[in-house]
């Protein structure tokens, strides 16, 4: 009897209970949700042989964290590559007259005008 439920659920097989708990863990449920009966809302009394629910949940959480870390790293690599490619494309087009005019507007002259306490660059 894993919980306070009556009827056939009180006679659940250990192997069936293990599979059900493993499925809940794999679905991303919290440890509290995994160890609480969905019907009677009582905490499950788990005396299963060769089955450490806390270790299984911890291992699954570590796998998820590792997956998210790797996914974030791959995302950043792709993003960095796209930024580098855009910059290379922009710099590669500097021979075109329209690009040169845009770049000249963006890049300030070396001389600067001092107005009050602010230093303002002179733009072309």
PDB file of N, CA and C in Angstrom:
ATOM      1  N   UNK A   1       0.841  -1.182   0.000  1.00  0.00           N
ATOM      2  CA  UNK A   1       0.000   0.000   0.000  1.00  0.00           C
ATOM      3  C   UNK A   1       0.888   1.248   0.000  1.00  0.00           C
ATOM      4  N   UNK A   2       1.089   1.845  -1.168  1.00  0.00           N
ATOM      5  CA  UNK A   2       1.962   3.020  -1.235  1.00  0.00           C
ATOM      6  C   UNK A   2       1.318   4.302  -0.710  1.00  0.00           C
ATOM      7  N   UNK A   3      -0.034   4.333  -0.599  1.00  0.00           N
ATOM      8  CA  UNK A   3      -0.713   5.546  -0.134  1.00  0.00           C
ATOM      9  C   UNK A   3      -2.016   5.161   0.563  1.00  0.00           C
ATOM     10  N   UNK A   4      -2.904   6.139   0.729  1.00  0.00           N
ATOM     11  CA  UNK A   4      -4.178   5.898   1.425  1.00  0.00           C
ATOM     12  C   UNK A   4      -5.306   5.475   0.480  1.00  0.00           C
ATOM     13  N   UNK A   5      -5.009   5.318  -0.799  1.00  0.00           N
ATOM     14  CA  UNK A   5      -6.040   4.929  -1.754  1.00  0.00           C
ATOM     15  C   UNK A   5      -6.553   3.526  -1.436  1.00  0.00           C
ATOM     16  N   UNK A   6      -7.835   3.328  -1.709  1.00  0.00           N
ATOM     17  CA  UNK A   6      -8.430   2.005  -1.520  1.00  0.00           C
ATOM     18  C   UNK A   6      -8.735   1.421  -2.896  1.00  0.00           C
ATOM     19  N   UNK A   7      -9.116   0.209  -2.940  1.00  0.00           N
ATOM     20  CA  UNK A   7      -9.405  -0.428  -4.213  1.00  0.00           C
ATOM     21  C   UNK A   7      -8.168  -1.118  -4.747  1.00  0.00           C
ATOM     22  N   UNK A   8      -8.147  -1.331  -6.054  1.00  0.00           N
ATOM     23  CA  UNK A   8      -7.069  -2.120  -6.657  1.00  0.00           C
ATOM     24  C   UNK A   8      -5.712  -1.418  -6.607  1.00  0.00           C
ATOM     25  N   UNK A   9      -5.700  -0.096  -6.472  1.00  0.00           N
ATOM     26  CA  UNK A   9      -4.425   0.622  -6.445  1.00  0.00           C
ATOM     27  C   UNK A   9      -3.563   0.216  -5.254  1.00  0.00           C
ATOM     28  N   UNK A  10      -4.171  -0.190  -4.187  1.00  0.00           N
ATOM     29  CA  UNK A  10      -3.383  -0.588  -3.022  1.00  0.00           C
ATOM     30  C   UNK A  10      -2.593  -1.868  -3.272  1.00  0.00           C
ATOM     31  N   UNK A  11      -2.926  -2.587  -4.355  1.00  0.00           N
ATOM     32  CA  UNK A  11      -2.220  -3.830  -4.674  1.00  0.00           C
ATOM     33  C   UNK A  11      -1.278  -3.666  -5.868  1.00  0.00           C
ATOM     34  N   UNK A  12      -0.838  -2.457  -6.130  1.00  0.00           N
ATOM     35  CA  UNK A  12       0.019  -2.203  -7.289  1.00  0.00           C
ATOM     36  C   UNK A  12       1.327  -2.993  -7.169  1.00  0.00           C
ATOM     37  N   UNK A  13       1.781  -3.533  -8.310  1.00  0.00           N
ATOM     38  CA  UNK A  13       3.048  -4.275  -8.344  1.00  0.00           C
ATOM     39  C   UNK A  13       4.216  -3.315  -8.152  1.00  0.00           C
ATOM     40  N   UNK A  14       5.288  -3.796  -7.537  1.00  0.00           N
ATOM     41  CA  UNK A  14       6.483  -2.961  -7.349  1.00  0.00           C
ATOM     42  C   UNK A  14       7.060  -2.534  -8.693  1.00  0.00           C
ATOM     43  N   UNK A  15       7.129  -3.453  -9.649  1.00  0.00           N
ATOM     44  CA  UNK A  15       7.688  -3.101 -10.960  1.00  0.00           C
ATOM     45  C   UNK A  15       6.831  -2.049 -11.667  1.00  0.00           C
ATOM     46  N   UNK A  16       5.513  -2.169 -11.529  1.00  0.00           N
ATOM     47  CA  UNK A  16       4.618  -1.170 -12.127  1.00  0.00           C
ATOM     48  C   UNK A  16       4.815   0.195 -11.464  1.00  0.00           C
ATOM     49  N   UNK A  17       4.960   0.196 -10.149  1.00  0.00           N
ATOM     50  CA  UNK A  17       5.186   1.438  -9.410  1.00  0.00           C
ATOM     51  C   UNK A  17       6.512   2.070  -9.835  1.00  0.00           C
ATOM     52  N   UNK A  18       7.552   1.271 -10.011  1.00  0.00           N
ATOM     53  CA  UNK A  18       8.856   1.785 -10.445  1.00  0.00           C
ATOM     54  C   UNK A  18       8.745   2.430 -11.822  1.00  0.00           C
ATOM     55  N   UNK A  19       8.063   1.760 -12.756  1.00  0.00           N
ATOM     56  CA  UNK A  19       7.906   2.304 -14.114  1.00  0.00           C
ATOM     57  C   UNK A  19       7.119   3.612 -14.082  1.00  0.00           C
ATOM     58  N   UNK A  20       6.080   3.648 -13.269  1.00  0.00           N
ATOM     59  CA  UNK A  20       5.255   4.848 -13.171  1.00  0.00           C
ATOM     60  C   UNK A  20       6.061   6.017 -12.595  1.00  0.00           C
ATOM     61  N   UNK A  21       6.822   5.757 -11.536  1.00  0.00           N
ATOM     62  CA  UNK A  21       7.652   6.802 -10.926  1.00  0.00           C
ATOM     63  C   UNK A  21       8.733   7.277 -11.887  1.00  0.00           C
ATOM     64  N   UNK A  22       9.353   6.345 -12.609  1.00  0.00           N
ATOM     65  CA  UNK A  22      10.386   6.714 -13.584  1.00  0.00           C
ATOM     66  C   UNK A  22       9.787   7.587 -14.689  1.00  0.00           C
ATOM     67  N   UNK A  23       8.579   7.252 -15.136  1.00  0.00           N
ATOM     68  CA  UNK A  23       7.913   8.059 -16.164  1.00  0.00           C
ATOM     69  C   UNK A  23       7.623   9.468 -15.651  1.00  0.00           C
ATOM     70  N   UNK A  24       7.212   9.598 -14.397  1.00  0.00           N
ATOM     71  CA  UNK A  24       6.960  10.926 -13.824  1.00  0.00           C
ATOM     72  C   UNK A  24       8.254  11.733 -13.726  1.00  0.00           C
ATOM     73  N   UNK A  25       9.335  11.074 -13.342  1.00  0.00           N
ATOM     74  CA  UNK A  25      10.630  11.759 -13.264  1.00  0.00           C
ATOM     75  C   UNK A  25      11.047  12.230 -14.651  1.00  0.00           C
ATOM     76  N   UNK A  26      10.935  11.352 -15.646  1.00  0.00           N
ATOM     77  CA  UNK A  26      11.343  11.692 -17.012  1.00  0.00           C
ATOM     78  C   UNK A  26      10.485  12.796 -17.621  1.00  0.00           C
ATOM     79  N   UNK A  27       9.266  12.950 -17.124  1.00  0.00           N
ATOM     80  CA  UNK A  27       8.396  14.008 -17.649  1.00  0.00           C
ATOM     81  C   UNK A  27       8.764  15.379 -17.077  1.00  0.00           C
ATOM     82  N   UNK A  28       9.677  15.398 -16.101  1.00  0.00           N
ATOM     83  CA  UNK A  28      10.131  16.666 -15.536  1.00  0.00           C
ATOM     84  C   UNK A  28       9.389  17.079 -14.280  1.00  0.00           C
ATOM     85  N   UNK A  29       8.631  16.183 -13.690  1.00  0.00           N
ATOM     86  CA  UNK A  29       7.902  16.505 -12.457  1.00  0.00           C
ATOM     87  C   UNK A  29       8.876  16.767 -11.309  1.00  0.00           C
ATOM     88  N   UNK A  30       8.443  17.619 -10.397  1.00  0.00           N
ATOM     89  CA  UNK A  30       9.265  17.890  -9.215  1.00  0.00           C
ATOM     90  C   UNK A  30       9.286  16.658  -8.320  1.00  0.00           C
ATOM     91  N   UNK A  31      10.264  16.601  -7.430  1.00  0.00           N
ATOM     92  CA  UNK A  31      10.369  15.458  -6.525  1.00  0.00           C
ATOM     93  C   UNK A  31       9.124  15.354  -5.647  1.00  0.00           C
ATOM     94  N   UNK A  32       8.593  16.488  -5.235  1.00  0.00           N
ATOM     95  CA  UNK A  32       7.375  16.472  -4.414  1.00  0.00           C
ATOM     96  C   UNK A  32       6.198  15.887  -5.194  1.00  0.00           C
ATOM     97  N   UNK A  33       6.070  16.262  -6.467  1.00  0.00           N
ATOM     98  CA  UNK A  33       4.981  15.724  -7.289  1.00  0.00           C
ATOM     99  C   UNK A  33       5.157  14.231  -7.530  1.00  0.00           C
ATOM    100  N   UNK A  34       6.406  13.795  -7.683  1.00  0.00           N
ATOM    101  CA  UNK A  34       6.671  12.375  -7.928  1.00  0.00           C
ATOM    102  C   UNK A  34       6.319  11.544  -6.703  1.00  0.00           C
ATOM    103  N   UNK A  35       6.580  12.069  -5.529  1.00  0.00           N
ATOM    104  CA  UNK A  35       6.380  11.288  -4.300  1.00  0.00           C
ATOM    105  C   UNK A  35       5.022  11.536  -3.643  1.00  0.00           C
ATOM    106  N   UNK A  36       4.096  12.188  -4.364  1.00  0.00           N
ATOM    107  CA  UNK A  36       2.746  12.432  -3.857  1.00  0.00           C
ATOM    108  C   UNK A  36       1.739  11.717  -4.749  1.00  0.00           C
ATOM    109  N   UNK A  37       0.802  11.017  -4.142  1.00  0.00           N
ATOM    110  CA  UNK A  37      -0.241  10.313  -4.894  1.00  0.00           C
ATOM    111  C   UNK A  37      -1.125  11.339  -5.603  1.00  0.00           C
ATOM    112  N   UNK A  38      -1.384  11.117  -6.877  1.00  0.00           N
ATOM    113  CA  UNK A  38      -2.200  12.047  -7.650  1.00  0.00           C
ATOM    114  C   UNK A  38      -3.675  11.974  -7.268  1.00  0.00           C
ATOM    115  N   UNK A  39      -4.104  10.868  -6.692  1.00  0.00           N
ATOM    116  CA  UNK A  39      -5.519  10.699  -6.353  1.00  0.00           C
ATOM    117  C   UNK A  39      -5.843  11.174  -4.946  1.00  0.00           C
ATOM    118  N   UNK A  40      -5.167  10.620  -3.943  1.00  0.00           N
ATOM    119  CA  UNK A  40      -5.497  10.965  -2.550  1.00  0.00           C
ATOM    120  C   UNK A  40      -4.614  12.080  -1.992  1.00  0.00           C
ATOM    121  N   UNK A  41      -3.605  12.498  -2.749  1.00  0.00           N
ATOM    122  CA  UNK A  41      -2.695  13.599  -2.371  1.00  0.00           C
ATOM    123  C   UNK A  41      -1.851  13.298  -1.138  1.00  0.00           C
ATOM    124  N   UNK A  42      -1.746  12.045  -0.765  1.00  0.00           N
ATOM    125  CA  UNK A  42      -0.902  11.642   0.366  1.00  0.00           C
ATOM    126  C   UNK A  42       0.518  11.380  -0.128  1.00  0.00           C
ATOM    127  N   UNK A  43       1.472  11.564   0.765  1.00  0.00           N
ATOM    128  CA  UNK A  43       2.867  11.249   0.433  1.00  0.00           C
ATOM    129  C   UNK A  43       2.992   9.736   0.283  1.00  0.00           C
ATOM    130  N   UNK A  44       3.644   9.315  -0.797  1.00  0.00           N
ATOM    131  CA  UNK A  44       3.804   7.885  -1.059  1.00  0.00           C
ATOM    132  C   UNK A  44       4.808   7.268  -0.098  1.00  0.00           C
ATOM    133  N   UNK A  45       4.494   6.111   0.392  1.00  0.00           N
ATOM    134  CA  UNK A  45       5.426   5.349   1.219  1.00  0.00           C
ATOM    135  C   UNK A  45       6.120   4.361   0.292  1.00  0.00           C
ATOM    136  N   UNK A  46       7.328   4.715  -0.102  1.00  0.00           N
ATOM    137  CA  UNK A  46       8.045   3.920  -1.101  1.00  0.00           C
ATOM    138  C   UNK A  46       9.071   3.023  -0.429  1.00  0.00           C
ATOM    139  N   UNK A  47       8.793   1.765  -0.417  1.00  0.00           N
ATOM    140  CA  UNK A  47       9.737   0.762   0.078  1.00  0.00           C
ATOM    141  C   UNK A  47      10.035  -0.191  -1.072  1.00  0.00           C
ATOM    142  N   UNK A  48      10.646   0.366  -2.111  1.00  0.00           N
ATOM    143  CA  UNK A  48      10.919  -0.413  -3.316  1.00  0.00           C
ATOM    144  C   UNK A  48      12.358  -0.905  -3.295  1.00  0.00           C
ATOM    145  N   UNK A  49      12.536  -2.149  -3.657  1.00  0.00           N
ATOM    146  CA  UNK A  49      13.875  -2.743  -3.685  1.00  0.00           C
ATOM    147  C   UNK A  49      14.666  -2.185  -4.865  1.00  0.00           C
ATOM    148  N   UNK A  50      15.940  -1.870  -4.631  1.00  0.00           N
ATOM    149  CA  UNK A  50      16.843  -1.377  -5.679  1.00  0.00           C
ATOM    150  C   UNK A  50      16.266  -0.172  -6.429  1.00  0.00           C
ATOM    151  N   UNK A  51      15.647   0.741  -5.714  1.00  0.00           N
ATOM    152  CA  UNK A  51      15.030   1.899  -6.366  1.00  0.00           C
ATOM    153  C   UNK A  51      15.133   3.097  -5.429  1.00  0.00           C
ATOM    154  N   UNK A  52      16.105   3.975  -5.708  1.00  0.00           N
ATOM    155  CA  UNK A  52      16.291   5.186  -4.903  1.00  0.00           C
ATOM    156  C   UNK A  52      15.695   6.361  -5.673  1.00  0.00           C
ATOM    157  N   UNK A  53      14.510   6.762  -5.291  1.00  0.00           N
ATOM    158  CA  UNK A  53      13.782   7.817  -5.996  1.00  0.00           C
ATOM    159  C   UNK A  53      14.542   9.141  -5.977  1.00  0.00           C
ATOM    160  N   UNK A  54      15.210   9.446  -4.873  1.00  0.00           N
ATOM    161  CA  UNK A  54      15.954  10.705  -4.761  1.00  0.00           C
ATOM    162  C   UNK A  54      17.145  10.713  -5.712  1.00  0.00           C
ATOM    163  N   UNK A  55      17.858   9.607  -5.799  1.00  0.00           N
ATOM    164  CA  UNK A  55      19.006   9.516  -6.704  1.00  0.00           C
ATOM    165  C   UNK A  55      18.561   9.596  -8.162  1.00  0.00           C
ATOM    166  N   UNK A  56      17.473   8.923  -8.510  1.00  0.00           N
ATOM    167  CA  UNK A  56      16.966   8.979  -9.883  1.00  0.00           C
ATOM    168  C   UNK A  56      16.534  10.391 -10.259  1.00  0.00           C
ATOM    169  N   UNK A  57      15.866  11.075  -9.340  1.00  0.00           N
ATOM    170  CA  UNK A  57      15.430  12.447  -9.621  1.00  0.00           C
ATOM    171  C   UNK A  57      16.632  13.376  -9.756  1.00  0.00           C
ATOM    172  N   UNK A  58      17.624  13.217  -8.895  1.00  0.00           N
ATOM    173  CA  UNK A  58      18.837  14.038  -8.955  1.00  0.00           C
ATOM    174  C   UNK A  58      19.584  13.799 -10.271  1.00  0.00           C
ATOM    175  N   UNK A  59      19.696  12.545 -10.687  1.00  0.00           N
ATOM    176  CA  UNK A  59      20.382  12.216 -11.939  1.00  0.00           C
ATOM    177  C   UNK A  59      19.654  12.834 -13.132  1.00  0.00           C
ATOM    178  N   UNK A  60      18.325  12.767 -13.119  1.00  0.00           N
ATOM    179  CA  UNK A  60      17.549  13.358 -14.217  1.00  0.00           C
ATOM    180  C   UNK A  60      17.725  14.882 -14.244  1.00  0.00           C
ATOM    181  N   UNK A  61      17.704  15.508 -13.080  1.00  0.00           N
ATOM    182  CA  UNK A  61      17.884  16.962 -13.009  1.00  0.00           C
ATOM    183  C   UNK A  61      19.268  17.359 -13.522  1.00  0.00           C
ATOM    184  N   UNK A  62      20.294  16.574 -13.197  1.00  0.00           N
ATOM    185  CA  UNK A  62      21.647  16.856 -13.690  1.00  0.00           C
ATOM    186  C   UNK A  62      21.722  16.713 -15.202  1.00  0.00           C
ATOM    187  N   UNK A  63      21.072  15.691 -15.745  1.00  0.00           N
ATOM    188  CA  UNK A  63      21.052  15.507 -17.197  1.00  0.00           C
ATOM    189  C   UNK A  63      20.375  16.689 -17.880  1.00  0.00           C
ATOM    190  N   UNK A  64      19.269  17.159 -17.309  1.00  0.00           N
ATOM    191  CA  UNK A  64      18.555  18.299 -17.878  1.00  0.00           C
ATOM    192  C   UNK A  64      19.416  19.559 -17.833  1.00  0.00           C
ATOM    193  N   UNK A  65      20.098  19.780 -16.721  1.00  0.00           N
ATOM    194  CA  UNK A  65      20.954  20.963 -16.592  1.00  0.00           C
ATOM    195  C   UNK A  65      22.100  20.905 -17.598  1.00  0.00           C
ATOM    196  N   UNK A  66      22.683  19.729 -17.771  1.00  0.00           N
ATOM    197  CA  UNK A  66      23.771  19.565 -18.735  1.00  0.00           C
ATOM    198  C   UNK A  66      23.269  19.808 -20.154  1.00  0.00           C
ATOM    199  N   UNK A  67      22.099  19.294 -20.470  1.00  0.00           N
ATOM    200  CA  UNK A  67      21.514  19.497 -21.793  1.00  0.00           C
ATOM    201  C   UNK A  67      21.273  20.985 -22.055  1.00  0.00           C
ATOM    202  N   UNK A  68      20.714  21.688 -21.070  1.00  0.00           N
ATOM    203  CA  UNK A  68      20.452  23.113 -21.224  1.00  0.00           C
ATOM    204  C   UNK A  68      21.746  23.906 -21.363  1.00  0.00           C
ATOM    205  N   UNK A  69      22.785  23.516 -20.633  1.00  0.00           N
ATOM    206  CA  UNK A  69      24.082  24.188 -20.725  1.00  0.00           C
ATOM    207  C   UNK A  69      24.675  24.008 -22.121  1.00  0.00           C
ATOM    208  N   UNK A  70      24.639  22.784 -22.631  1.00  0.00           N
ATOM    209  CA  UNK A  70      25.178  22.510 -23.963  1.00  0.00           C
ATOM    210  C   UNK A  70      24.364  23.247 -25.023  1.00  0.00           C
ATOM    211  N   UNK A  71      23.046  23.254 -24.879  1.00  0.00           N
ATOM    212  CA  UNK A  71      22.192  23.959 -25.836  1.00  0.00           C
ATOM    213  C   UNK A  71      22.500  25.453 -25.844  1.00  0.00           C
ATOM    214  N   UNK A  72      22.692  26.031 -24.668  1.00  0.00           N
ATOM    215  CA  UNK A  72      23.021  27.453 -24.583  1.00  0.00           C
ATOM    216  C   UNK A  72      24.366  27.738 -25.235  1.00  0.00           C
ATOM    217  N   UNK A  73      25.331  26.865 -25.003  1.00  0.00           N
ATOM    218  CA  UNK A  73      26.651  27.035 -25.611  1.00  0.00           C
ATOM    219  C   UNK A  73      26.585  26.975 -27.123  1.00  0.00           C
ATOM    220  N   UNK A  74      25.833  26.030 -27.653  1.00  0.00           N
ATOM    221  CA  UNK A  74      25.688  25.925 -29.106  1.00  0.00           C
ATOM    222  C   UNK A  74      24.988  27.154 -29.671  1.00  0.00           C
ATOM    223  N   UNK A  75      23.978  27.634 -28.964  1.00  0.00           N
ATOM    224  CA  UNK A  75      23.275  28.837 -29.391  1.00  0.00           C
ATOM    225  C   UNK A  75      24.238  30.022 -29.460  1.00  0.00           C
ATOM    226  N   UNK A  76      25.078  30.176 -28.447  1.00  0.00           N
ATOM    227  CA  UNK A  76      26.030  31.288 -28.429  1.00  0.00           C
ATOM    228  C   UNK A  76      27.062  31.170 -29.544  1.00  0.00           C
ATOM    229  N   UNK A  77      27.510  29.956 -29.842  1.00  0.00           N
ATOM    230  CA  UNK A  77      28.473  29.756 -30.927  1.00  0.00           C
ATOM    231  C   UNK A  77      27.852  30.169 -32.258  1.00  0.00           C
ATOM    232  N   UNK A  78      26.617  29.755 -32.498  1.00  0.00           N
ATOM    233  CA  UNK A  78      25.935  30.118 -33.745  1.00  0.00           C
ATOM    234  C   UNK A  78      25.724  31.626 -33.807  1.00  0.00           C
ATOM    235  N   UNK A  79      25.306  32.222 -32.702  1.00  0.00           N
ATOM    236  CA  UNK A  79      25.094  33.663 -32.662  1.00  0.00           C
ATOM    237  C   UNK A  79      26.392  34.423 -32.928  1.00  0.00           C
ATOM    238  N   UNK A  80      27.477  33.996 -32.322  1.00  0.00           N
ATOM    239  CA  UNK A  80      28.777  34.627 -32.544  1.00  0.00           C
ATOM    240  C   UNK A  80      29.195  34.505 -34.003  1.00  0.00           C
ATOM    241  N   UNK A  81      28.976  33.338 -34.585  1.00  0.00           N
ATOM    242  CA  UNK A  81      29.323  33.139 -35.996  1.00  0.00           C
ATOM    243  C   UNK A  81      28.507  34.076 -36.887  1.00  0.00           C
ATOM    244  N   UNK A  82      27.209  34.218 -36.608  1.00  0.00           N
ATOM    245  CA  UNK A  82      26.374  35.102 -37.417  1.00  0.00           C
ATOM    246  C   UNK A  82      26.804  36.559 -37.279  1.00  0.00           C
ATOM    247  N   UNK A  83      27.177  36.973 -36.070  1.00  0.00           N
ATOM    248  CA  UNK A  83      27.669  38.343 -35.874  1.00  0.00           C
ATOM    249  C   UNK A  83      28.972  38.562 -36.632  1.00  0.00           C
ATOM    250  N   UNK A  84      29.864  37.596 -36.552  1.00  0.00           N
ATOM    251  CA  UNK A  84      31.139  37.697 -37.265  1.00  0.00           C
ATOM    252  C   UNK A  84      30.900  37.746 -38.765  1.00  0.00           C
ATOM    253  N   UNK A  85      29.966  36.934 -39.248  1.00  0.00           N
ATOM    254  CA  UNK A  85      29.667  36.909 -40.678  1.00  0.00           C
ATOM    255  C   UNK A  85      29.074  38.239 -41.128  1.00  0.00           C
ATOM    256  N   UNK A  86      28.176  38.797 -40.334  1.00  0.00           N
ATOM    257  CA  UNK A  86      27.587  40.094 -40.673  1.00  0.00           C
ATOM    258  C   UNK A  86      28.647  41.185 -40.698  1.00  0.00           C
ATOM    259  N   UNK A  87      29.538  41.168 -39.721  1.00  0.00           N
ATOM    260  CA  UNK A  87      30.615  42.157 -39.676  1.00  0.00           C
ATOM    261  C   UNK A  87      31.538  42.000 -40.883  1.00  0.00           C
ATOM    262  N   UNK A  88      31.872  40.762 -41.219  1.00  0.00           N
ATOM    263  CA  UNK A  88      32.732  40.515 -42.381  1.00  0.00           C
ATOM    264  C   UNK A  88      32.063  40.982 -43.662  1.00  0.00           C
ATOM    265  N   UNK A  89      30.771  40.725 -43.785  1.00  0.00           N
ATOM    266  CA  UNK A  89      30.042  41.174 -44.972  1.00  0.00           C
ATOM    267  C   UNK A  89      30.030  42.691 -45.050  1.00  0.00           C
ATOM    268  N   UNK A  90      29.827  43.347 -43.922  1.00  0.00           N
ATOM    269  CA  UNK A  90      29.804  44.800 -43.904  1.00  0.00           C
ATOM    270  C   UNK A  90      31.178  45.365 -44.270  1.00  0.00           C
ATOM    271  N   UNK A  91      32.229  44.808 -43.717  1.00  0.00           N
ATOM    272  CA  UNK A  91      33.577  45.296 -44.009  1.00  0.00           C
ATOM    273  C   UNK A  91      34.000  44.939 -45.426  1.00  0.00           C
ATOM    274  N   UNK A  92      33.489  43.847 -45.951  1.00  0.00           N
ATOM    275  CA  UNK A  92      33.813  43.450 -47.318  1.00  0.00           C
ATOM    276  C   UNK A  92      33.173  44.349 -48.345  1.00  0.00           C
ATOM    277  N   UNK A  93      32.110  45.038 -47.974  1.00  0.00           N
ATOM    278  CA  UNK A  93      31.403  45.921 -48.895  1.00  0.00           C
ATOM    279  C   UNK A  93      31.872  47.368 -48.794  1.00  0.00           C
ATOM    280  N   UNK A  94      32.989  47.629 -48.152  1.00  0.00           N
ATOM    281  CA  UNK A  94      33.439  49.018 -47.960  1.00  0.00           C
ATOM    282  C   UNK A  94      33.923  49.650 -49.251  1.00  0.00           C
ATOM    283  N   UNK A  95      34.127  48.872 -50.292  1.00  0.00           N
ATOM    284  CA  UNK A  95      34.557  49.440 -51.569  1.00  0.00           C
ATOM    285  C   UNK A  95      33.399  50.067 -52.327  1.00  0.00           C
ATOM    286  N   UNK A  96      32.179  49.746 -51.964  1.00  0.00           N
ATOM    287  CA  UNK A  96      31.027  50.339 -52.628  1.00  0.00           C
ATOM    288  C   UNK A  96      30.849  51.766 -52.120  1.00  0.00           C
ATOM    289  N   UNK A  97      30.573  52.723 -53.017  1.00  0.00           N
ATOM    290  CA  UNK A  97      30.450  54.133 -52.608  1.00  0.00           C
ATOM    291  C   UNK A  97      29.390  54.372 -51.533  1.00  0.00           C
ATOM    292  N   UNK A  98      28.234  53.729 -51.635  1.00  0.00           N
ATOM    293  CA  UNK A  98      27.173  53.981 -50.649  1.00  0.00           C
ATOM    294  C   UNK A  98      27.591  53.499 -49.262  1.00  0.00           C
ATOM    295  N   UNK A  99      28.346  52.403 -49.204  1.00  0.00           N
ATOM    296  CA  UNK A  99      28.811  51.891 -47.916  1.00  0.00           C
ATOM    297  C   UNK A  99      29.856  52.820 -47.329  1.00  0.00           C
ATOM    298  N   UNK A 100      30.744  53.355 -48.179  1.00  0.00           N
ATOM    299  CA  UNK A 100      31.766  54.268 -47.686  1.00  0.00           C
ATOM    300  C   UNK A 100      31.135  55.513 -47.069  1.00  0.00           C
ATOM    301  N   UNK A 101      30.086  56.034 -47.698  1.00  0.00           N
ATOM    302  CA  UNK A 101      29.419  57.226 -47.175  1.00  0.00           C
ATOM    303  C   UNK A 101      28.790  56.912 -45.817  1.00  0.00           C
ATOM    304  N   UNK A 102      28.134  55.750 -45.693  1.00  0.00           N
ATOM    305  CA  UNK A 102      27.526  55.375 -44.415  1.00  0.00           C
ATOM    306  C   UNK A 102      28.582  55.216 -43.330  1.00  0.00           C
ATOM    307  N   UNK A 103      29.707  54.587 -43.652  1.00  0.00           N
ATOM    308  CA  UNK A 103      30.764  54.395 -42.665  1.00  0.00           C
ATOM    309  C   UNK A 103      31.381  55.722 -42.254  1.00  0.00           C
ATOM    310  N   UNK A 104      31.534  56.658 -43.205  1.00  0.00           N
ATOM    311  CA  UNK A 104      32.096  57.960 -42.871  1.00  0.00           C
ATOM    312  C   UNK A 104      31.179  58.720 -41.919  1.00  0.00           C
ATOM    313  N   UNK A 105      29.881  58.535 -42.060  1.00  0.00           N
ATOM    314  CA  UNK A 105      28.947  59.197 -41.146  1.00  0.00           C
ATOM    315  C   UNK A 105      29.018  58.590 -39.749  1.00  0.00           C
ATOM    316  N   UNK A 106      29.327  57.304 -39.676  1.00  0.00           N
ATOM    317  CA  UNK A 106      29.363  56.616 -38.387  1.00  0.00           C
ATOM    318  C   UNK A 106      30.657  56.870 -37.629  1.00  0.00           C
ATOM    319  N   UNK A 107      31.769  57.050 -38.337  1.00  0.00           N
ATOM    320  CA  UNK A 107      33.079  57.175 -37.698  1.00  0.00           C
ATOM    321  C   UNK A 107      33.381  58.654 -37.464  1.00  0.00           C
ATOM    322  N   UNK A 108      33.618  59.058 -36.220  1.00  0.00           N
ATOM    323  CA  UNK A 108      33.900  60.474 -35.941  1.00  0.00           C
ATOM    324  C   UNK A 108      35.303  60.868 -36.406  1.00  0.00           C
ATOM    325  N   UNK A 109      35.473  62.183 -36.641  1.00  0.00           N
ATOM    326  CA  UNK A 109      36.805  62.705 -36.956  1.00  0.00           C
ATOM    327  C   UNK A 109      37.656  62.659 -35.705  1.00  0.00           C
ATOM    328  N   UNK A 110      38.953  62.794 -35.900  1.00  0.00           N
ATOM    329  CA  UNK A 110      39.861  62.748 -34.760  1.00  0.00           C
ATOM    330  C   UNK A 110      39.751  64.000 -33.906  1.00  0.00           C
ATOM    331  N   UNK A 111      39.384  65.126 -34.488  1.00  0.00           N
ATOM    332  CA  UNK A 111      39.250  66.355 -33.699  1.00  0.00           C
ATOM    333  C   UNK A 111      37.894  66.363 -33.020  1.00  0.00           C
ATOM    334  N   UNK A 112      37.859  66.890 -31.822  1.00  0.00           N
ATOM    335  CA  UNK A 112      36.617  66.937 -31.062  1.00  0.00           C
ATOM    336  C   UNK A 112      36.354  68.364 -30.597  1.00  0.00           C
ATOM    337  N   UNK A 113      35.097  68.699 -30.466  1.00  0.00           N
ATOM    338  CA  UNK A 113      34.694  70.011 -29.985  1.00  0.00           C
ATOM    339  C   UNK A 113      34.278  69.887 -28.529  1.00  0.00           C
ATOM    340  N   UNK A 114      34.765  70.796 -27.692  1.00  0.00           N
ATOM    341  CA  UNK A 114      34.388  70.787 -26.281  1.00  0.00           C
ATOM    342  C   UNK A 114      33.302  71.835 -26.082  1.00  0.00           C
ATOM    343  N   UNK A 115      32.136  71.401 -25.596  1.00  0.00           N
ATOM    344  CA  UNK A 115      31.020  72.298 -25.324  1.00  0.00           C
ATOM    345  C   UNK A 115      30.646  72.128 -23.866  1.00  0.00           C
ATOM    346  N   UNK A 116      30.873  73.130 -23.053  1.00  0.00           N
ATOM    347  CA  UNK A 116      30.603  73.009 -21.625  1.00  0.00           C
ATOM    348  C   UNK A 116      31.490  71.925 -21.042  1.00  0.00           C
ATOM    349  N   UNK A 117      30.884  70.954 -20.397  1.00  0.00           N
ATOM    350  CA  UNK A 117      31.634  69.843 -19.825  1.00  0.00           C
ATOM    351  C   UNK A 117      31.559  68.598 -20.690  1.00  0.00           C
ATOM    352  N   UNK A 118      30.844  68.693 -21.789  1.00  0.00           N
ATOM    353  CA  UNK A 118      30.695  67.533 -22.658  1.00  0.00           C
ATOM    354  C   UNK A 118      31.689  67.586 -23.796  1.00  0.00           C
ATOM    355  N   UNK A 119      32.213  66.459 -24.158  1.00  0.00           N
ATOM    356  CA  UNK A 119      33.090  66.362 -25.319  1.00  0.00           C
ATOM    357  C   UNK A 119      32.263  65.731 -26.421  1.00  0.00           C
ATOM    358  N   UNK A 120      32.012  66.498 -27.461  1.00  0.00           N
ATOM    359  CA  UNK A 120      31.198  66.007 -28.564  1.00  0.00           C
ATOM    360  C   UNK A 120      32.077  65.800 -29.787  1.00  0.00           C
ATOM    361  N   UNK A 121      32.008  64.656 -30.423  1.00  0.00           N
ATOM    362  CA  UNK A 121      32.818  64.428 -31.621  1.00  0.00           C
ATOM    363  C   UNK A 121      32.221  65.156 -32.819  1.00  0.00           C
ATOM    364  N   UNK A 122      33.101  65.589 -33.725  1.00  0.00           N
ATOM    365  CA  UNK A 122      32.655  66.174 -34.990  1.00  0.00           C
ATOM    366  C   UNK A 122      32.422  65.044 -35.975  1.00  0.00           C
ATOM    367  N   UNK A 123      31.264  64.994 -36.561  1.00  0.00           N
ATOM    368  CA  UNK A 123      30.973  63.990 -37.576  1.00  0.00           C
ATOM    369  C   UNK A 123      31.073  64.619 -38.950  1.00  0.00           C
ATOM    370  N   UNK A 124      31.408  63.816 -39.933  1.00  0.00           N
ATOM    371  CA  UNK A 124      31.536  64.304 -41.317  1.00  0.00           C
ATOM    372  C   UNK A 124      30.168  64.571 -41.879  1.00  0.00           C
TER     373      UNK A 124
END
